[in-house]
Amino acid sequence: MPDATIHTVGVVLTNLAPILYRVKLPNGKVIMAHLSKPLTEAHAVFAIDDRVLLELTLYDFDQARILGLAE
């Protein structure tokens, strides 16, 4: 069975590199988030204050993967 992941929404605070962002979670914690492979290949860029869908693992709550814009 693959490891479970947690999906949540965050707000982009800053763009640190072409695929790396600093994102604020709903509980106020600030984490690092990187683009998923499909978004990297599509050269996706997110602006400050964009709401993004995040995927976190159960093992590390300090990093996340950005899956796309949140609705």
Protein backbone atom coordinates (compact mmCIF):
# COMPACT_ATOMS: atom_id res chain seq x y z
CA MET A 1 0.00 0.00 0.00
CA PRO A 2 1.48 3.38 -0.95
CA ASP A 3 1.96 5.95 1.79
CA ALA A 4 -0.99 8.25 2.36
CA THR A 5 -0.64 11.94 1.63
CA ILE A 6 -2.32 15.01 3.04
CA HIS A 7 -3.89 17.54 0.69
CA THR A 8 -4.45 21.12 1.81
CA VAL A 9 -4.54 24.65 0.44
CA GLY A 10 -1.82 27.24 1.00
CA VAL A 11 -1.09 30.82 0.01
CA VAL A 12 2.10 31.69 -1.90
CA LEU A 13 4.24 34.17 0.05
CA THR A 14 7.40 34.35 -2.08
CA ASN A 15 9.03 32.78 -5.10
CA LEU A 16 12.48 31.51 -4.10
CA ALA A 17 13.54 29.84 -7.35
CA PRO A 18 11.89 28.81 -10.63
CA ILE A 19 10.25 25.79 -8.97
CA LEU A 20 10.51 26.66 -5.25
CA TYR A 21 8.05 28.73 -3.23
CA ARG A 22 7.47 29.73 0.38
CA VAL A 23 3.83 28.94 1.23
CA LYS A 24 1.66 29.68 4.26
CA LEU A 25 -0.65 26.90 5.47
CA PRO A 26 -4.12 27.52 6.94
CA ASN A 27 -2.76 26.99 10.48
CA GLY A 28 -0.23 29.82 9.94
CA LYS A 29 2.87 27.65 9.47
CA VAL A 30 5.21 28.71 6.66
CA ILE A 31 6.77 25.90 4.61
CA MET A 32 8.79 25.36 1.44
CA ALA A 33 6.91 23.95 -1.55
CA HIS A 34 8.12 22.79 -4.95
CA LEU A 35 6.24 22.30 -8.19
CA SER A 36 5.08 18.84 -9.16
CA LYS A 37 6.74 17.33 -12.23
CA PRO A 38 3.83 18.11 -14.62
CA LEU A 39 3.81 21.75 -13.46
CA THR A 40 7.60 21.97 -13.83
CA GLU A 41 7.43 20.62 -17.37
CA ALA A 42 4.64 23.11 -18.17
CA HIS A 43 6.79 25.97 -16.76
CA ALA A 44 4.00 26.98 -14.36
CA VAL A 45 4.51 30.19 -12.40
CA PHE A 46 2.48 31.26 -9.39
CA ALA A 47 2.12 34.82 -8.15
CA ILE A 48 2.23 36.06 -4.57
CA ASP A 49 -1.14 35.52 -2.80
CA ASP A 50 -2.18 32.71 -5.19
CA ARG A 51 -4.04 29.89 -3.42
CA VAL A 52 -2.41 26.56 -4.35
CA LEU A 53 -3.29 22.93 -3.71
CA LEU A 54 -0.53 21.22 -1.72
CA GLU A 55 0.42 17.60 -1.06
CA LEU A 56 2.33 16.77 2.14
CA THR A 57 3.63 13.42 3.34
CA LEU A 58 3.02 12.07 6.82
CA TYR A 59 6.77 12.18 7.49
CA ASP A 60 7.71 15.79 6.74
CA PHE A 61 5.41 18.74 7.40
CA ASP A 62 8.08 21.29 6.44
CA GLN A 63 7.99 20.56 2.70
CA ALA A 64 5.18 20.11 0.20
CA ARG A 65 4.50 19.56 -3.48
CA ILE A 66 2.35 22.07 -5.36
CA LEU A 67 -0.30 20.30 -7.43
CA GLY A 68 -1.96 23.37 -8.97
CA LEU A 69 -4.19 26.33 -8.25
CA ALA A 70 -6.88 25.83 -5.60
CA GLU A 71 -10.49 26.60 -6.39
